Amino acid sequence: MGLTEQALIDRGVPYISVFQDWLASAQAMAKRIDYSRIKLLVSPEDYRILGCHLLGPEADTIIHRVISVMRLRNDVRELAEMVYIHHPALNECVLAAAVKAVGKVRAYKSES
């Protein structure tokens, strides 16, 4: 969903990249899913989600959480603060990646 890392590079758009396996999800660990990944591309200037790429079971369903945020407010902090009511769940991978992205944007802002 959104732009790829190469498209951002080609356009000269600043971004931070978060690459996270799904092992933050207890369900992924229980199912021994070790190949799934999420990549979030986020603007370091305003927390906008520029792109999100998912690989793994139920990725087509999980991506809707990201799409909703991108369409409504487009702020990765919304994903990081969202309630994930079903635990354990595969979509908790989004939470882990979003929290990591927020931390990277904050670090970028403090260095600038």
PDB file of N, CA and C in Angstrom:
ATOM      1  N   MET A   1       0.850  -1.164   0.000  1.00  0.00           N
ATOM      2  CA  MET A   1       0.000   0.000   0.000  1.00  0.00           C
ATOM      3  C   MET A   1       0.895   1.225   0.000  1.00  0.00           C
ATOM      4  N   GLY A   2       0.595   2.204  -0.808  1.00  0.00           N
ATOM      5  CA  GLY A   2       1.374   3.432  -0.839  1.00  0.00           C
ATOM      6  C   GLY A   2       2.611   3.299  -1.698  1.00  0.00           C
ATOM      7  N   LEU A   3       3.612   4.077  -1.370  1.00  0.00           N
ATOM      8  CA  LEU A   3       4.837   4.126  -2.164  1.00  0.00           C
ATOM      9  C   LEU A   3       5.854   3.086  -1.703  1.00  0.00           C
ATOM     10  N   THR A   4       6.722   2.716  -2.634  1.00  0.00           N
ATOM     11  CA  THR A   4       7.828   1.824  -2.303  1.00  0.00           C
ATOM     12  C   THR A   4       9.027   2.661  -1.873  1.00  0.00           C
ATOM     13  N   GLU A   5       9.991   2.014  -1.297  1.00  0.00           N
ATOM     14  CA  GLU A   5      11.211   2.703  -0.884  1.00  0.00           C
ATOM     15  C   GLU A   5      11.922   3.292  -2.103  1.00  0.00           C
ATOM     16  N   GLN A   6      11.958   2.545  -3.197  1.00  0.00           N
ATOM     17  CA  GLN A   6      12.616   3.039  -4.408  1.00  0.00           C
ATOM     18  C   GLN A   6      11.904   4.271  -4.965  1.00  0.00           C
ATOM     19  N   ALA A   7      10.575   4.283  -4.927  1.00  0.00           N
ATOM     20  CA  ALA A   7       9.819   5.448  -5.407  1.00  0.00           C
ATOM     21  C   ALA A   7      10.140   6.676  -4.551  1.00  0.00           C
ATOM     22  N   LEU A   8      10.279   6.499  -3.252  1.00  0.00           N
ATOM     23  CA  LEU A   8      10.623   7.627  -2.368  1.00  0.00           C
ATOM     24  C   LEU A   8      12.027   8.140  -2.670  1.00  0.00           C
ATOM     25  N   ILE A   9      12.957   7.231  -2.899  1.00  0.00           N
ATOM     26  CA  ILE A   9      14.328   7.615  -3.247  1.00  0.00           C
ATOM     27  C   ILE A   9      14.328   8.379  -4.564  1.00  0.00           C
ATOM     28  N   ASP A  10      13.627   7.840  -5.567  1.00  0.00           N
ATOM     29  CA  ASP A  10      13.575   8.481  -6.886  1.00  0.00           C
ATOM     30  C   ASP A  10      12.977   9.884  -6.813  1.00  0.00           C
ATOM     31  N   ARG A  11      12.027  10.087  -5.921  1.00  0.00           N
ATOM     32  CA  ARG A  11      11.361  11.395  -5.784  1.00  0.00           C
ATOM     33  C   ARG A  11      12.078  12.329  -4.811  1.00  0.00           C
ATOM     34  N   GLY A  12      13.087  11.819  -4.129  1.00  0.00           N
ATOM     35  CA  GLY A  12      13.824  12.637  -3.172  1.00  0.00           C
ATOM     36  C   GLY A  12      13.029  12.956  -1.917  1.00  0.00           C
ATOM     37  N   VAL A  13      12.123  12.072  -1.557  1.00  0.00           N
ATOM     38  CA  VAL A  13      11.266  12.277  -0.388  1.00  0.00           C
ATOM     39  C   VAL A  13      11.964  11.705   0.846  1.00  0.00           C
ATOM     40  N   PRO A  14      12.132  12.502   1.895  1.00  0.00           N
ATOM     41  CA  PRO A  14      12.724  11.950   3.122  1.00  0.00           C
ATOM     42  C   PRO A  14      11.764  10.960   3.782  1.00  0.00           C
ATOM     43  N   TYR A  15      12.313   9.900   4.341  1.00  0.00           N
ATOM     44  CA  TYR A  15      11.491   8.879   4.992  1.00  0.00           C
ATOM     45  C   TYR A  15      12.335   8.105   5.981  1.00  0.00           C
ATOM     46  N   ILE A  16      11.659   7.445   6.898  1.00  0.00           N
ATOM     47  CA  ILE A  16      12.325   6.453   7.742  1.00  0.00           C
ATOM     48  C   ILE A  16      11.678   5.115   7.407  1.00  0.00           C
ATOM     49  N   SER A  17      12.453   4.079   7.536  1.00  0.00           N
ATOM     50  CA  SER A  17      11.984   2.742   7.206  1.00  0.00           C
ATOM     51  C   SER A  17      12.055   1.864   8.449  1.00  0.00           C
ATOM     52  N   VAL A  18      10.972   1.128   8.690  1.00  0.00           N
ATOM     53  CA  VAL A  18      10.936   0.169   9.784  1.00  0.00           C
ATOM     54  C   VAL A  18      10.636  -1.195   9.182  1.00  0.00           C
ATOM     55  N   PHE A  19      11.501  -2.130   9.451  1.00  0.00           N
ATOM     56  CA  PHE A  19      11.343  -3.500   8.978  1.00  0.00           C
ATOM     57  C   PHE A  19      11.206  -4.375  10.216  1.00  0.00           C
ATOM     58  N   GLN A  20      10.090  -5.069  10.334  1.00  0.00           N
ATOM     59  CA  GLN A  20       9.781  -5.808  11.558  1.00  0.00           C
ATOM     60  C   GLN A  20       9.273  -7.207  11.208  1.00  0.00           C
ATOM     61  N   ASP A  21       9.817  -8.223  11.869  1.00  0.00           N
ATOM     62  CA  ASP A  21       9.207  -9.537  11.697  1.00  0.00           C
ATOM     63  C   ASP A  21       7.957  -9.608  12.561  1.00  0.00           C
ATOM     64  N   TRP A  22       7.200 -10.642  12.391  1.00  0.00           N
ATOM     65  CA  TRP A  22       5.929 -10.745  13.113  1.00  0.00           C
ATOM     66  C   TRP A  22       6.078 -11.428  14.459  1.00  0.00           C
ATOM     67  N   LEU A  23       7.284 -11.646  14.912  1.00  0.00           N
ATOM     68  CA  LEU A  23       7.460 -12.368  16.164  1.00  0.00           C
ATOM     69  C   LEU A  23       7.015 -11.568  17.374  1.00  0.00           C
ATOM     70  N   ALA A  24       6.621 -10.297  17.156  1.00  0.00           N
ATOM     71  CA  ALA A  24       6.000  -9.526  18.237  1.00  0.00           C
ATOM     72  C   ALA A  24       4.599 -10.055  18.508  1.00  0.00           C
ATOM     73  N   SER A  25       4.071 -10.839  17.595  1.00  0.00           N
ATOM     74  CA  SER A  25       2.744 -11.434  17.752  1.00  0.00           C
ATOM     75  C   SER A  25       2.873 -12.808  18.380  1.00  0.00           C
ATOM     76  N   ALA A  26       2.231 -12.976  19.523  1.00  0.00           N
ATOM     77  CA  ALA A  26       2.259 -14.280  20.187  1.00  0.00           C
ATOM     78  C   ALA A  26       1.629 -15.346  19.303  1.00  0.00           C
ATOM     79  N   GLN A  27       0.638 -14.965  18.516  1.00  0.00           N
ATOM     80  CA  GLN A  27      -0.002 -15.929  17.620  1.00  0.00           C
ATOM     81  C   GLN A  27       0.970 -16.394  16.531  1.00  0.00           C
ATOM     82  N   ALA A  28       1.749 -15.478  15.993  1.00  0.00           N
ATOM     83  CA  ALA A  28       2.754 -15.863  14.992  1.00  0.00           C
ATOM     84  C   ALA A  28       3.770 -16.811  15.605  1.00  0.00           C
ATOM     85  N   MET A  29       4.158 -16.535  16.851  1.00  0.00           N
ATOM     86  CA  MET A  29       5.099 -17.422  17.536  1.00  0.00           C
ATOM     87  C   MET A  29       4.477 -18.795  17.767  1.00  0.00           C
ATOM     88  N   ALA A  30       3.211 -18.817  18.195  1.00  0.00           N
ATOM     89  CA  ALA A  30       2.533 -20.084  18.470  1.00  0.00           C
ATOM     90  C   ALA A  30       2.359 -20.904  17.202  1.00  0.00           C
ATOM     91  N   LYS A  31       2.111 -20.227  16.086  1.00  0.00           N
ATOM     92  CA  LYS A  31       1.929 -20.920  14.809  1.00  0.00           C
ATOM     93  C   LYS A  31       3.252 -21.188  14.102  1.00  0.00           C
ATOM     94  N   ARG A  32       4.330 -20.757  14.728  1.00  0.00           N
ATOM     95  CA  ARG A  32       5.671 -20.932  14.177  1.00  0.00           C
ATOM     96  C   ARG A  32       5.809 -20.308  12.784  1.00  0.00           C
ATOM     97  N   ILE A  33       5.231 -19.117  12.643  1.00  0.00           N
ATOM     98  CA  ILE A  33       5.327 -18.366  11.396  1.00  0.00           C
ATOM     99  C   ILE A  33       6.583 -17.514  11.497  1.00  0.00           C
ATOM    100  N   ASP A  34       7.613 -17.879  10.760  1.00  0.00           N
ATOM    101  CA  ASP A  34       8.877 -17.167  10.929  1.00  0.00           C
ATOM    102  C   ASP A  34       9.314 -16.398   9.682  1.00  0.00           C
ATOM    103  N   TYR A  35       8.494 -16.356   8.647  1.00  0.00           N
ATOM    104  CA  TYR A  35       8.884 -15.677   7.419  1.00  0.00           C
ATOM    105  C   TYR A  35       8.137 -14.358   7.212  1.00  0.00           C
ATOM    106  N   SER A  36       7.143 -14.072   8.014  1.00  0.00           N
ATOM    107  CA  SER A  36       6.306 -12.894   7.809  1.00  0.00           C
ATOM    108  C   SER A  36       7.032 -11.619   8.195  1.00  0.00           C
ATOM    109  N   ARG A  37       6.772 -10.568   7.447  1.00  0.00           N
ATOM    110  CA  ARG A  37       7.437  -9.287   7.663  1.00  0.00           C
ATOM    111  C   ARG A  37       6.466  -8.144   7.398  1.00  0.00           C
ATOM    112  N   ILE A  38       6.734  -7.002   8.027  1.00  0.00           N
ATOM    113  CA  ILE A  38       6.044  -5.752   7.730  1.00  0.00           C
ATOM    114  C   ILE A  38       7.106  -4.681   7.555  1.00  0.00           C
ATOM    115  N   LYS A  39       6.892  -3.814   6.572  1.00  0.00           N
ATOM    116  CA  LYS A  39       7.766  -2.665   6.366  1.00  0.00           C
ATOM    117  C   LYS A  39       6.880  -1.433   6.348  1.00  0.00           C
ATOM    118  N   LEU A  40       7.204  -0.482   7.196  1.00  0.00           N
ATOM    119  CA  LEU A  40       6.518   0.805   7.216  1.00  0.00           C
ATOM    120  C   LEU A  40       7.489   1.879   6.733  1.00  0.00           C
ATOM    121  N   LEU A  41       7.022   2.726   5.843  1.00  0.00           N
ATOM    122  CA  LEU A  41       7.775   3.873   5.368  1.00  0.00           C
ATOM    123  C   LEU A  41       7.026   5.108   5.846  1.00  0.00           C
ATOM    124  N   VAL A  42       7.683   5.924   6.640  1.00  0.00           N
ATOM    125  CA  VAL A  42       7.011   7.018   7.344  1.00  0.00           C
ATOM    126  C   VAL A  42       7.779   8.318   7.135  1.00  0.00           C
ATOM    127  N   SER A  43       7.029   9.412   6.994  1.00  0.00           N
ATOM    128  CA  SER A  43       7.640  10.730   6.882  1.00  0.00           C
ATOM    129  C   SER A  43       8.227  11.131   8.236  1.00  0.00           C
ATOM    130  N   PRO A  44       9.509  11.472   8.275  1.00  0.00           N
ATOM    131  CA  PRO A  44      10.102  11.894   9.546  1.00  0.00           C
ATOM    132  C   PRO A  44       9.696  13.313   9.933  1.00  0.00           C
ATOM    133  N   GLU A  45       9.021  13.984   9.043  1.00  0.00           N
ATOM    134  CA  GLU A  45       8.623  15.367   9.303  1.00  0.00           C
ATOM    135  C   GLU A  45       7.271  15.472   9.994  1.00  0.00           C
ATOM    136  N   ASP A  46       6.326  14.573   9.624  1.00  0.00           N
ATOM    137  CA  ASP A  46       4.965  14.720  10.156  1.00  0.00           C
ATOM    138  C   ASP A  46       4.265  13.391  10.473  1.00  0.00           C
ATOM    139  N   TYR A  47       5.008  12.292  10.555  1.00  0.00           N
ATOM    140  CA  TYR A  47       4.486  10.988  10.954  1.00  0.00           C
ATOM    141  C   TYR A  47       3.542  10.354   9.921  1.00  0.00           C
ATOM    142  N   ARG A  48       3.417  10.928   8.711  1.00  0.00           N
ATOM    143  CA  ARG A  48       2.543  10.332   7.693  1.00  0.00           C
ATOM    144  C   ARG A  48       3.086   8.988   7.233  1.00  0.00           C
ATOM    145  N   ILE A  49       2.191   8.041   7.051  1.00  0.00           N
ATOM    146  CA  ILE A  49       2.564   6.745   6.495  1.00  0.00           C
ATOM    147  C   ILE A  49       2.658   6.922   4.988  1.00  0.00           C
ATOM    148  N   LEU A  50       3.830   6.694   4.434  1.00  0.00           N
ATOM    149  CA  LEU A  50       4.061   6.855   3.005  1.00  0.00           C
ATOM    150  C   LEU A  50       3.887   5.533   2.263  1.00  0.00           C
ATOM    151  N   GLY A  51       4.128   4.442   2.955  1.00  0.00           N
ATOM    152  CA  GLY A  51       3.981   3.122   2.363  1.00  0.00           C
ATOM    153  C   GLY A  51       3.987   2.057   3.432  1.00  0.00           C
ATOM    154  N   CYS A  52       3.341   0.951   3.132  1.00  0.00           N
ATOM    155  CA  CYS A  52       3.326  -0.195   4.038  1.00  0.00           C
ATOM    156  C   CYS A  52       3.306  -1.457   3.192  1.00  0.00           C
ATOM    157  N   HIS A  53       4.170  -2.384   3.537  1.00  0.00           N
ATOM    158  CA  HIS A  53       4.266  -3.636   2.791  1.00  0.00           C
ATOM    159  C   HIS A  53       4.220  -4.784   3.789  1.00  0.00           C
ATOM    160  N   LEU A  54       3.378  -5.748   3.516  1.00  0.00           N
ATOM    161  CA  LEU A  54       3.194  -6.900   4.394  1.00  0.00           C
ATOM    162  C   LEU A  54       3.413  -8.193   3.621  1.00  0.00           C
ATOM    163  N   LEU A  55       4.014  -9.149   4.279  1.00  0.00           N
ATOM    164  CA  LEU A  55       4.189 -10.479   3.726  1.00  0.00           C
ATOM    165  C   LEU A  55       3.850 -11.468   4.830  1.00  0.00           C
ATOM    166  N   GLY A  56       2.847 -12.287   4.595  1.00  0.00           N
ATOM    167  CA  GLY A  56       2.482 -13.285   5.592  1.00  0.00           C
ATOM    168  C   GLY A  56       1.017 -13.638   5.508  1.00  0.00           C
ATOM    169  N   PRO A  57       0.618 -14.640   6.294  1.00  0.00           N
ATOM    170  CA  PRO A  57      -0.783 -15.051   6.285  1.00  0.00           C
ATOM    171  C   PRO A  57      -1.681 -13.924   6.785  1.00  0.00           C
ATOM    172  N   GLU A  58      -2.829 -13.792   6.167  1.00  0.00           N
ATOM    173  CA  GLU A  58      -3.816 -12.777   6.518  1.00  0.00           C
ATOM    174  C   GLU A  58      -3.331 -11.350   6.266  1.00  0.00           C
ATOM    175  N   ALA A  59      -2.265 -11.185   5.490  1.00  0.00           N
ATOM    176  CA  ALA A  59      -1.758  -9.845   5.189  1.00  0.00           C
ATOM    177  C   ALA A  59      -2.826  -9.004   4.501  1.00  0.00           C
ATOM    178  N   ASP A  60      -3.644  -9.642   3.674  1.00  0.00           N
ATOM    179  CA  ASP A  60      -4.692  -8.901   2.971  1.00  0.00           C
ATOM    180  C   ASP A  60      -5.727  -8.333   3.935  1.00  0.00           C
ATOM    181  N   THR A  61      -5.925  -8.972   5.056  1.00  0.00           N
ATOM    182  CA  THR A  61      -6.852  -8.471   6.070  1.00  0.00           C
ATOM    183  C   THR A  61      -6.156  -7.466   6.988  1.00  0.00           C
ATOM    184  N   ILE A  62      -4.949  -7.757   7.375  1.00  0.00           N
ATOM    185  CA  ILE A  62      -4.201  -6.900   8.290  1.00  0.00           C
ATOM    186  C   ILE A  62      -3.931  -5.529   7.680  1.00  0.00           C
ATOM    187  N   ILE A  63      -3.683  -5.472   6.376  1.00  0.00           N
ATOM    188  CA  ILE A  63      -3.355  -4.197   5.727  1.00  0.00           C
ATOM    189  C   ILE A  63      -4.494  -3.189   5.852  1.00  0.00           C
ATOM    190  N   HIS A  64      -5.724  -3.662   6.055  1.00  0.00           N
ATOM    191  CA  HIS A  64      -6.852  -2.743   6.169  1.00  0.00           C
ATOM    192  C   HIS A  64      -6.738  -1.824   7.386  1.00  0.00           C
ATOM    193  N   ARG A  65      -6.086  -2.275   8.421  1.00  0.00           N
ATOM    194  CA  ARG A  65      -5.849  -1.423   9.593  1.00  0.00           C
ATOM    195  C   ARG A  65      -5.003  -0.222   9.173  1.00  0.00           C
ATOM    196  N   VAL A  66      -3.991  -0.472   8.379  1.00  0.00           N
ATOM    197  CA  VAL A  66      -3.102   0.598   7.910  1.00  0.00           C
ATOM    198  C   VAL A  66      -3.837   1.492   6.905  1.00  0.00           C
ATOM    199  N   ILE A  67      -4.571   0.883   5.995  1.00  0.00           N
ATOM    200  CA  ILE A  67      -5.307   1.653   4.987  1.00  0.00           C
ATOM    201  C   ILE A  67      -6.284   2.621   5.655  1.00  0.00           C
ATOM    202  N   SER A  68      -6.980   2.156   6.669  1.00  0.00           N
ATOM    203  CA  SER A  68      -7.931   3.025   7.370  1.00  0.00           C
ATOM    204  C   SER A  68      -7.247   4.248   7.953  1.00  0.00           C
ATOM    205  N   VAL A  69      -6.119   4.041   8.601  1.00  0.00           N
ATOM    206  CA  VAL A  69      -5.391   5.164   9.190  1.00  0.00           C
ATOM    207  C   VAL A  69      -4.890   6.100   8.093  1.00  0.00           C
ATOM    208  N   MET A  70      -4.390   5.540   6.992  1.00  0.00           N
ATOM    209  CA  MET A  70      -3.894   6.375   5.898  1.00  0.00           C
ATOM    210  C   MET A  70      -5.011   7.219   5.294  1.00  0.00           C
ATOM    211  N   ARG A  71      -6.210   6.681   5.218  1.00  0.00           N
ATOM    212  CA  ARG A  71      -7.336   7.408   4.620  1.00  0.00           C
ATOM    213  C   ARG A  71      -7.943   8.444   5.565  1.00  0.00           C
ATOM    214  N   LEU A  72      -7.896   8.192   6.860  1.00  0.00           N
ATOM    215  CA  LEU A  72      -8.572   9.079   7.803  1.00  0.00           C
ATOM    216  C   LEU A  72      -7.679  10.205   8.320  1.00  0.00           C
ATOM    217  N   ARG A  73      -6.593   9.855   8.949  1.00  0.00           N
ATOM    218  CA  ARG A  73      -5.745  10.884   9.565  1.00  0.00           C
ATOM    219  C   ARG A  73      -4.302  10.795   9.088  1.00  0.00           C
ATOM    220  N   ASN A  74      -3.925   9.644   8.617  1.00  0.00           N
ATOM    221  CA  ASN A  74      -2.579   9.327   8.141  1.00  0.00           C
ATOM    222  C   ASN A  74      -1.484   9.791   9.098  1.00  0.00           C
ATOM    223  N   ASP A  75      -1.464   9.159  10.236  1.00  0.00           N
ATOM    224  CA  ASP A  75      -0.468   9.437  11.260  1.00  0.00           C
ATOM    225  C   ASP A  75      -0.132   8.097  11.918  1.00  0.00           C
ATOM    226  N   VAL A  76       1.119   7.679  11.809  1.00  0.00           N
ATOM    227  CA  VAL A  76       1.524   6.376  12.327  1.00  0.00           C
ATOM    228  C   VAL A  76       1.300   6.281  13.833  1.00  0.00           C
ATOM    229  N   ARG A  77       1.233   7.418  14.517  1.00  0.00           N
ATOM    230  CA  ARG A  77       0.969   7.381  15.958  1.00  0.00           C
ATOM    231  C   ARG A  77      -0.408   6.808  16.254  1.00  0.00           C
ATOM    232  N   GLU A  78      -1.347   6.949  15.320  1.00  0.00           N
ATOM    233  CA  GLU A  78      -2.682   6.344  15.486  1.00  0.00           C
ATOM    234  C   GLU A  78      -2.578   4.823  15.547  1.00  0.00           C
ATOM    235  N   LEU A  79      -1.736   4.241  14.719  1.00  0.00           N
ATOM    236  CA  LEU A  79      -1.535   2.785  14.754  1.00  0.00           C
ATOM    237  C   LEU A  79      -0.873   2.355  16.060  1.00  0.00           C
ATOM    238  N   ALA A  80       0.063   3.182  16.533  1.00  0.00           N
ATOM    239  CA  ALA A  80       0.790   2.845  17.757  1.00  0.00           C
ATOM    240  C   ALA A  80      -0.088   2.948  18.999  1.00  0.00           C
ATOM    241  N   GLU A  81      -1.130   3.792  18.932  1.00  0.00           N
ATOM    242  CA  GLU A  81      -1.994   4.001  20.099  1.00  0.00           C
ATOM    243  C   GLU A  81      -3.331   3.273  19.981  1.00  0.00           C
ATOM    244  N   MET A  82      -3.569   2.632  18.860  1.00  0.00           N
ATOM    245  CA  MET A  82      -4.828   1.937  18.613  1.00  0.00           C
ATOM    246  C   MET A  82      -4.980   0.748  19.562  1.00  0.00           C
ATOM    247  N   VAL A  83      -6.210   0.441  19.915  1.00  0.00           N
ATOM    248  CA  VAL A  83      -6.490  -0.711  20.763  1.00  0.00           C
ATOM    249  C   VAL A  83      -6.517  -1.964  19.889  1.00  0.00           C
ATOM    250  N   TYR A  84      -5.755  -2.954  20.268  1.00  0.00           N
ATOM    251  CA  TYR A  84      -5.716  -4.240  19.583  1.00  0.00           C
ATOM    252  C   TYR A  84      -6.430  -5.225  20.505  1.00  0.00           C
ATOM    253  N   ILE A  85      -7.742  -5.397  20.282  1.00  0.00           N
ATOM    254  CA  ILE A  85      -8.565  -6.095  21.265  1.00  0.00           C
ATOM    255  C   ILE A  85      -8.423  -7.606  21.248  1.00  0.00           C
ATOM    256  N   HIS A  86      -7.990  -8.156  20.174  1.00  0.00           N
ATOM    257  CA  HIS A  86      -7.873  -9.611  20.094  1.00  0.00           C
ATOM    258  C   HIS A  86      -6.418  -9.993  20.342  1.00  0.00           C
ATOM    259  N   HIS A  87      -6.185 -10.767  21.389  1.00  0.00           N
ATOM    260  CA  HIS A  87      -4.824 -11.189  21.712  1.00  0.00           C
ATOM    261  C   HIS A  87      -4.832 -12.667  22.056  1.00  0.00           C
ATOM    262  N   PRO A  88      -3.960 -13.449  21.524  1.00  0.00           N
ATOM    263  CA  PRO A  88      -2.943 -13.049  20.564  1.00  0.00           C
ATOM    264  C   PRO A  88      -3.536 -12.944  19.155  1.00  0.00           C
ATOM    265  N   ALA A  89      -2.994 -12.056  18.359  1.00  0.00           N
ATOM    266  CA  ALA A  89      -3.478 -11.839  17.001  1.00  0.00           C
ATOM    267  C   ALA A  89      -2.303 -11.511  16.087  1.00  0.00           C
ATOM    268  N   LEU A  90      -2.423 -11.897  14.850  1.00  0.00           N
ATOM    269  CA  LEU A  90      -1.363 -11.611  13.892  1.00  0.00           C
ATOM    270  C   LEU A  90      -1.216 -10.108  13.650  1.00  0.00           C
ATOM    271  N   ASN A  91      -2.329  -9.366  13.768  1.00  0.00           N
ATOM    272  CA  ASN A  91      -2.236  -7.933  13.470  1.00  0.00           C
ATOM    273  C   ASN A  91      -1.422  -7.151  14.501  1.00  0.00           C
ATOM    274  N   GLU A  92      -1.000  -7.788  15.554  1.00  0.00           N
ATOM    275  CA  GLU A  92      -0.131  -7.116  16.531  1.00  0.00           C
ATOM    276  C   GLU A  92       1.232  -6.767  15.925  1.00  0.00           C
ATOM    277  N   CYS A  93       1.544  -7.355  14.774  1.00  0.00           N
ATOM    278  CA  CYS A  93       2.775  -6.981  14.075  1.00  0.00           C
ATOM    279  C   CYS A  93       2.728  -5.521  13.666  1.00  0.00           C
ATOM    280  N   VAL A  94       1.533  -5.014  13.342  1.00  0.00           N
ATOM    281  CA  VAL A  94       1.372  -3.606  12.971  1.00  0.00           C
ATOM    282  C   VAL A  94       1.695  -2.720  14.168  1.00  0.00           C
ATOM    283  N   LEU A  95       1.226  -3.104  15.327  1.00  0.00           N
ATOM    284  CA  LEU A  95       1.501  -2.350  16.554  1.00  0.00           C
ATOM    285  C   LEU A  95       3.005  -2.245  16.790  1.00  0.00           C
ATOM    286  N   ALA A  96       3.704  -3.357  16.720  1.00  0.00           N
ATOM    287  CA  ALA A  96       5.151  -3.351  16.977  1.00  0.00           C
ATOM    288  C   ALA A  96       5.885  -2.461  15.980  1.00  0.00           C
ATOM    289  N   ALA A  97       5.521  -2.551  14.714  1.00  0.00           N
ATOM    290  CA  ALA A  97       6.173  -1.725  13.688  1.00  0.00           C
ATOM    291  C   ALA A  97       5.843  -0.251  13.886  1.00  0.00           C
ATOM    292  N   ALA A  98       4.604   0.060  14.230  1.00  0.00           N
ATOM    293  CA  ALA A  98       4.198   1.456  14.431  1.00  0.00           C
ATOM    294  C   ALA A  98       4.928   2.076  15.620  1.00  0.00           C
ATOM    295  N   VAL A  99       5.045   1.351  16.713  1.00  0.00           N
ATOM    296  CA  VAL A  99       5.759   1.854  17.887  1.00  0.00           C
ATOM    297  C   VAL A  99       7.219   2.130  17.528  1.00  0.00           C
ATOM    298  N   LYS A 100       7.817   1.213  16.785  1.00  0.00           N
ATOM    299  CA  LYS A 100       9.205   1.396  16.361  1.00  0.00           C
ATOM    300  C   LYS A 100       9.329   2.624  15.443  1.00  0.00           C
ATOM    301  N   ALA A 101       8.367   2.808  14.535  1.00  0.00           N
ATOM    302  CA  ALA A 101       8.397   3.949  13.613  1.00  0.00           C
ATOM    303  C   ALA A 101       8.275   5.273  14.363  1.00  0.00           C
ATOM    304  N   VAL A 102       7.386   5.332  15.343  1.00  0.00           N
ATOM    305  CA  VAL A 102       7.220   6.558  16.141  1.00  0.00           C
ATOM    306  C   VAL A 102       8.542   6.892  16.842  1.00  0.00           C
ATOM    307  N   GLY A 103       9.187   5.898  17.396  1.00  0.00           N
ATOM    308  CA  GLY A 103      10.481   6.117  18.051  1.00  0.00           C
ATOM    309  C   GLY A 103      11.541   6.629  17.089  1.00  0.00           C
ATOM    310  N   LYS A 104      11.561   6.087  15.874  1.00  0.00           N
ATOM    311  CA  LYS A 104      12.541   6.535  14.882  1.00  0.00           C
ATOM    312  C   LYS A 104      12.268   7.961  14.424  1.00  0.00           C
ATOM    313  N   VAL A 105      10.996   8.320  14.265  1.00  0.00           N
ATOM    314  CA  VAL A 105      10.666   9.699  13.875  1.00  0.00           C
ATOM    315  C   VAL A 105      11.072  10.655  14.998  1.00  0.00           C
ATOM    316  N   ARG A 106      10.786  10.301  16.231  1.00  0.00           N
ATOM    317  CA  ARG A 106      11.175  11.158  17.358  1.00  0.00           C
ATOM    318  C   ARG A 106      12.685  11.337  17.416  1.00  0.00           C
ATOM    319  N   ALA A 107      13.435  10.264  17.178  1.00  0.00           N
ATOM    320  CA  ALA A 107      14.893  10.353  17.163  1.00  0.00           C
ATOM    321  C   ALA A 107      15.372  11.244  16.024  1.00  0.00           C
ATOM    322  N   TYR A 108      14.758  11.111  14.873  1.00  0.00           N
ATOM    323  CA  TYR A 108      15.107  11.949  13.716  1.00  0.00           C
ATOM    324  C   TYR A 108      14.865  13.419  14.038  1.00  0.00           C
ATOM    325  N   LYS A 109      13.708  13.705  14.652  1.00  0.00           N
ATOM    326  CA  LYS A 109      13.361  15.089  14.986  1.00  0.00           C
ATOM    327  C   LYS A 109      14.317  15.672  16.025  1.00  0.00           C
ATOM    328  N   SER A 110      14.754  14.859  16.980  1.00  0.00           N
ATOM    329  CA  SER A 110      15.657  15.377  18.014  1.00  0.00           C
ATOM    330  C   SER A 110      17.058  15.610  17.478  1.00  0.00           C
ATOM    331  N   GLU A 111      17.442  14.891  16.420  1.00  0.00           N
ATOM    332  CA  GLU A 111      18.750  15.073  15.787  1.00  0.00           C
ATOM    333  C   GLU A 111      18.769  16.284  14.869  1.00  0.00           C
ATOM    334  N   SER A 112      17.587  16.684  14.389  1.00  0.00           N
ATOM    335  CA  SER A 112      17.511  17.791  13.414  1.00  0.00           C
ATOM    336  C   SER A 112      17.628  19.140  14.070  1.00  0.00           C
TER     337      SER A 112
END
